[in-house]
Amino acid sequence: MTMNEIVNDYQNHNLSIDIHSFNDGYSVHLKNQSLLQDIRDNDKNGFLRNVIIPVTQEVSMQTHSKIYFNADDPNMELIVTANKGKLEYTINLSNQ
C-alpha cells in the first residue's frame, strides 16, 4: 500500500516515478528522465531544489516512510534522502 501511496503522491505533483523497496525504505527516480544534466549544470533551472527535494520531503512525511530519490544516472547519484519528513541527505549544490 505504501508504494502505491508514494506513486500517487508524486503524481499529484505531476511527477511520474519508478519505485522499488530499498534497504529500510524505497528507492525512487523519475520515469524515463535522468536528472544527470540538472546535476551537471548545478541545478540551473532549480528543479532539484524547488521540486524534487521539497516534494520528496512532503511525500516522506505523508507516507511515514524513508525515500531515497536518485538521479537515474549510471552512478545512481543520490539527490535526497528523507525519512518521515526529515531530510537526512541532500545533494551538494553550490549557491549561484
N, C-alpha and C. Protein backbone atom coordinates (compact mmCIF):
# COMPACT_ATOMS: atom_id res chain seq x y z
N MET A 1 0.82 -1.20 0.00
CA MET A 1 0.00 0.00 0.00
C MET A 1 0.87 1.27 0.00
N THR A 2 1.93 1.29 0.80
CA THR A 2 2.78 2.48 0.88
C THR A 2 3.37 2.83 -0.47
N MET A 3 3.81 1.83 -1.24
CA MET A 3 4.38 2.12 -2.56
C MET A 3 3.35 2.81 -3.44
N ASN A 4 2.13 2.35 -3.42
CA ASN A 4 1.07 2.99 -4.22
C ASN A 4 0.82 4.42 -3.74
N GLU A 5 0.83 4.62 -2.43
CA GLU A 5 0.65 5.97 -1.88
C GLU A 5 1.75 6.89 -2.37
N ILE A 6 2.98 6.41 -2.34
CA ILE A 6 4.12 7.23 -2.77
C ILE A 6 3.98 7.59 -4.24
N VAL A 7 3.65 6.61 -5.08
CA VAL A 7 3.46 6.86 -6.52
C VAL A 7 2.36 7.91 -6.71
N ASN A 8 1.24 7.75 -6.02
CA ASN A 8 0.13 8.70 -6.15
C ASN A 8 0.50 10.09 -5.67
N ASP A 9 1.24 10.17 -4.57
CA ASP A 9 1.63 11.48 -4.05
C ASP A 9 2.55 12.22 -5.03
N TYR A 10 3.48 11.50 -5.64
CA TYR A 10 4.33 12.14 -6.66
C TYR A 10 3.50 12.54 -7.88
N GLN A 11 2.55 11.69 -8.27
CA GLN A 11 1.69 12.02 -9.42
C GLN A 11 0.87 13.27 -9.14
N ASN A 12 0.49 13.49 -7.89
CA ASN A 12 -0.24 14.72 -7.53
C ASN A 12 0.60 15.97 -7.78
N HIS A 13 1.91 15.79 -7.88
CA HIS A 13 2.83 16.89 -8.19
C HIS A 13 3.32 16.81 -9.64
N ASN A 14 2.59 16.05 -10.45
CA ASN A 14 2.92 15.87 -11.88
C ASN A 14 4.29 15.25 -12.10
N LEU A 15 4.70 14.34 -11.21
CA LEU A 15 5.96 13.62 -11.34
C LEU A 15 5.66 12.14 -11.45
N SER A 16 6.11 11.54 -12.53
CA SER A 16 5.91 10.10 -12.75
C SER A 16 7.19 9.38 -12.33
N ILE A 17 7.04 8.44 -11.40
CA ILE A 17 8.22 7.79 -10.81
C ILE A 17 8.20 6.28 -10.97
N ASP A 18 9.39 5.70 -10.83
CA ASP A 18 9.56 4.27 -10.64
C ASP A 18 10.00 4.10 -9.19
N ILE A 19 9.54 3.03 -8.55
CA ILE A 19 9.84 2.84 -7.14
C ILE A 19 10.16 1.37 -6.87
N HIS A 20 11.10 1.15 -5.95
CA HIS A 20 11.49 -0.20 -5.55
C HIS A 20 11.79 -0.19 -4.06
N SER A 21 11.54 -1.29 -3.38
CA SER A 21 11.97 -1.42 -1.99
C SER A 21 13.48 -1.34 -1.96
N PHE A 22 14.02 -0.65 -0.96
CA PHE A 22 15.47 -0.48 -0.87
C PHE A 22 15.84 -0.28 0.60
N ASN A 23 16.75 -1.12 1.09
CA ASN A 23 17.20 -1.03 2.49
C ASN A 23 16.00 -0.90 3.42
N ASP A 24 15.93 0.20 4.15
CA ASP A 24 14.86 0.42 5.12
C ASP A 24 13.78 1.35 4.58
N GLY A 25 13.70 1.46 3.25
CA GLY A 25 12.71 2.36 2.66
C GLY A 25 12.47 2.05 1.20
N TYR A 26 12.46 3.11 0.39
CA TYR A 26 12.14 2.98 -1.03
C TYR A 26 13.11 3.79 -1.87
N SER A 27 13.55 3.21 -2.97
CA SER A 27 14.37 3.90 -3.94
C SER A 27 13.44 4.42 -5.03
N VAL A 28 13.56 5.70 -5.32
CA VAL A 28 12.65 6.36 -6.26
C VAL A 28 13.47 7.13 -7.29
N HIS A 29 13.02 7.13 -8.54
CA HIS A 29 13.59 8.00 -9.56
C HIS A 29 12.51 8.33 -10.58
N LEU A 30 12.73 9.41 -11.31
CA LEU A 30 11.76 9.81 -12.33
C LEU A 30 11.72 8.77 -13.43
N LYS A 31 10.53 8.51 -13.92
CA LYS A 31 10.35 7.58 -15.03
C LYS A 31 10.84 8.24 -16.31
N ASN A 32 11.67 7.54 -17.05
CA ASN A 32 12.11 7.99 -18.37
C ASN A 32 12.78 9.36 -18.37
N GLN A 33 13.40 9.73 -17.27
CA GLN A 33 14.09 11.02 -17.24
C GLN A 33 15.23 10.96 -16.23
N SER A 34 16.44 11.19 -16.72
CA SER A 34 17.59 11.26 -15.84
C SER A 34 17.75 12.70 -15.36
N LEU A 35 18.22 12.84 -14.13
CA LEU A 35 18.49 14.17 -13.59
C LEU A 35 19.97 14.53 -13.68
N LEU A 36 20.71 13.75 -14.45
CA LEU A 36 22.15 13.96 -14.58
C LEU A 36 22.48 15.36 -15.09
N GLN A 37 21.76 15.85 -16.08
CA GLN A 37 22.04 17.19 -16.61
C GLN A 37 21.78 18.26 -15.56
N ASP A 38 20.74 18.07 -14.74
CA ASP A 38 20.46 19.03 -13.66
C ASP A 38 21.63 19.08 -12.67
N ILE A 39 22.22 17.92 -12.40
CA ILE A 39 23.38 17.88 -11.51
C ILE A 39 24.58 18.55 -12.17
N ARG A 40 24.81 18.23 -13.44
CA ARG A 40 25.97 18.80 -14.15
C ARG A 40 25.93 20.31 -14.24
N ASP A 41 24.75 20.88 -14.44
CA ASP A 41 24.67 22.34 -14.56
C ASP A 41 24.32 23.01 -13.23
N ASN A 42 24.57 22.27 -12.12
CA ASN A 42 24.34 22.78 -10.78
C ASN A 42 22.90 23.26 -10.58
N ASP A 43 21.95 22.52 -11.14
CA ASP A 43 20.53 22.79 -10.95
C ASP A 43 20.15 24.21 -11.37
N LYS A 44 20.66 24.61 -12.53
CA LYS A 44 20.43 25.97 -13.04
C LYS A 44 18.94 26.33 -13.10
N ASN A 45 18.11 25.35 -13.45
CA ASN A 45 16.67 25.63 -13.56
C ASN A 45 15.93 25.48 -12.23
N GLY A 46 16.62 25.08 -11.18
CA GLY A 46 16.01 24.98 -9.85
C GLY A 46 15.12 23.77 -9.63
N PHE A 47 15.10 22.84 -10.58
CA PHE A 47 14.20 21.69 -10.50
C PHE A 47 14.49 20.81 -9.28
N LEU A 48 15.76 20.59 -8.98
CA LEU A 48 16.11 19.75 -7.82
C LEU A 48 15.75 20.46 -6.52
N ARG A 49 16.19 21.72 -6.38
CA ARG A 49 15.95 22.48 -5.14
C ARG A 49 14.49 22.80 -4.91
N ASN A 50 13.78 23.15 -5.96
CA ASN A 50 12.42 23.67 -5.81
C ASN A 50 11.32 22.64 -6.02
N VAL A 51 11.65 21.49 -6.61
CA VAL A 51 10.62 20.47 -6.86
C VAL A 51 10.99 19.14 -6.22
N ILE A 52 12.06 18.53 -6.68
CA ILE A 52 12.40 17.17 -6.25
C ILE A 52 12.61 17.08 -4.74
N ILE A 53 13.43 17.95 -4.17
CA ILE A 53 13.74 17.86 -2.74
C ILE A 53 12.52 18.15 -1.87
N PRO A 54 11.79 19.27 -2.07
CA PRO A 54 10.63 19.52 -1.21
C PRO A 54 9.50 18.50 -1.40
N VAL A 55 9.28 18.05 -2.63
CA VAL A 55 8.21 17.07 -2.86
C VAL A 55 8.57 15.74 -2.18
N THR A 56 9.83 15.34 -2.27
CA THR A 56 10.26 14.10 -1.63
C THR A 56 10.09 14.21 -0.11
N GLN A 57 10.45 15.34 0.45
CA GLN A 57 10.28 15.54 1.88
C GLN A 57 8.80 15.46 2.27
N GLU A 58 7.94 16.08 1.50
CA GLU A 58 6.50 16.07 1.77
C GLU A 58 5.92 14.66 1.65
N VAL A 59 6.28 13.94 0.59
CA VAL A 59 5.77 12.58 0.38
C VAL A 59 6.25 11.67 1.51
N SER A 60 7.48 11.81 1.91
CA SER A 60 8.03 11.02 3.01
C SER A 60 7.26 11.27 4.30
N MET A 61 6.91 12.52 4.56
CA MET A 61 6.17 12.86 5.76
C MET A 61 4.75 12.28 5.69
N GLN A 62 4.09 12.42 4.55
CA GLN A 62 2.71 11.94 4.41
C GLN A 62 2.61 10.43 4.50
N THR A 63 3.62 9.72 4.02
CA THR A 63 3.57 8.26 3.99
C THR A 63 4.35 7.62 5.15
N HIS A 64 4.97 8.45 6.00
CA HIS A 64 5.76 7.96 7.13
C HIS A 64 6.79 6.94 6.68
N SER A 65 7.48 7.26 5.59
CA SER A 65 8.45 6.32 5.01
C SER A 65 9.79 7.00 4.76
N LYS A 66 10.77 6.18 4.45
CA LYS A 66 12.09 6.68 4.07
C LYS A 66 12.23 6.55 2.56
N ILE A 67 12.58 7.65 1.91
CA ILE A 67 12.68 7.68 0.46
C ILE A 67 14.09 8.11 0.05
N TYR A 68 14.69 7.31 -0.81
CA TYR A 68 15.97 7.62 -1.42
C TYR A 68 15.68 8.01 -2.86
N PHE A 69 15.81 9.29 -3.20
CA PHE A 69 15.50 9.75 -4.56
C PHE A 69 16.81 9.90 -5.31
N ASN A 70 16.97 9.14 -6.40
CA ASN A 70 18.22 9.21 -7.15
C ASN A 70 18.01 9.76 -8.56
N ALA A 71 19.13 10.09 -9.18
CA ALA A 71 19.11 10.78 -10.47
C ALA A 71 18.85 9.86 -11.66
N ASP A 72 18.83 8.56 -11.43
CA ASP A 72 18.67 7.58 -12.52
C ASP A 72 19.74 7.77 -13.58
N ASP A 73 20.97 7.94 -13.09
CA ASP A 73 22.13 8.05 -13.97
C ASP A 73 23.00 6.81 -13.76
N PRO A 74 24.03 6.61 -14.57
CA PRO A 74 24.85 5.40 -14.42
C PRO A 74 25.45 5.22 -13.01
N ASN A 75 25.72 6.32 -12.31
CA ASN A 75 26.29 6.22 -10.96
C ASN A 75 25.23 6.17 -9.87
N MET A 76 23.96 6.23 -10.26
CA MET A 76 22.85 6.25 -9.30
C MET A 76 23.06 7.34 -8.24
N GLU A 77 23.42 8.52 -8.72
CA GLU A 77 23.67 9.67 -7.86
C GLU A 77 22.43 9.97 -7.01
N LEU A 78 22.63 10.07 -5.71
CA LEU A 78 21.54 10.34 -4.78
C LEU A 78 21.25 11.84 -4.75
N ILE A 79 19.99 12.21 -4.89
CA ILE A 79 19.57 13.61 -4.85
C ILE A 79 19.16 13.99 -3.43
N VAL A 80 18.31 13.15 -2.83
CA VAL A 80 17.79 13.45 -1.50
C VAL A 80 17.38 12.16 -0.81
N THR A 81 17.57 12.13 0.51
CA THR A 81 17.01 11.08 1.35
C THR A 81 16.17 11.77 2.40
N ALA A 82 14.92 11.36 2.50
CA ALA A 82 14.01 11.91 3.50
C ALA A 82 13.42 10.75 4.29
N ASN A 83 13.39 10.91 5.61
CA ASN A 83 12.87 9.87 6.48
C ASN A 83 11.75 10.46 7.33
N LYS A 84 10.52 10.05 7.05
CA LYS A 84 9.33 10.54 7.76
C LYS A 84 9.29 12.06 7.80
N GLY A 85 9.66 12.66 6.67
CA GLY A 85 9.60 14.11 6.54
C GLY A 85 10.86 14.86 6.90
N LYS A 86 11.82 14.17 7.50
CA LYS A 86 13.09 14.83 7.85
C LYS A 86 14.11 14.57 6.75
N LEU A 87 14.79 15.63 6.33
CA LEU A 87 15.84 15.48 5.34
C LEU A 87 17.07 14.90 6.02
N GLU A 88 17.54 13.76 5.53
CA GLU A 88 18.75 13.15 6.07
C GLU A 88 19.95 13.45 5.18
N TYR A 89 19.68 13.70 3.89
CA TYR A 89 20.75 13.98 2.94
C TYR A 89 20.17 14.76 1.78
N THR A 90 20.91 15.76 1.29
CA THR A 90 20.60 16.40 0.01
C THR A 90 21.90 16.56 -0.75
N ILE A 91 21.80 16.50 -2.05
CA ILE A 91 22.98 16.65 -2.92
C ILE A 91 23.59 18.02 -2.68
N ASN A 92 24.90 18.09 -2.74
CA ASN A 92 25.61 19.34 -2.53
C ASN A 92 25.58 20.17 -3.82
N LEU A 93 24.80 21.21 -3.82
CA LEU A 93 24.71 22.14 -4.96
C LEU A 93 25.24 23.49 -4.49
N SER A 94 26.17 24.05 -5.25
CA SER A 94 26.71 25.34 -4.84
C SER A 94 25.67 26.44 -5.08
N ASN A 95 25.74 27.47 -4.26
CA ASN A 95 24.82 28.61 -4.45
C ASN A 95 25.25 29.38 -5.68
N GLN A 96 24.26 29.91 -6.38
CA GLN A 96 24.57 30.58 -7.64
C GLN A 96 24.66 32.07 -7.47
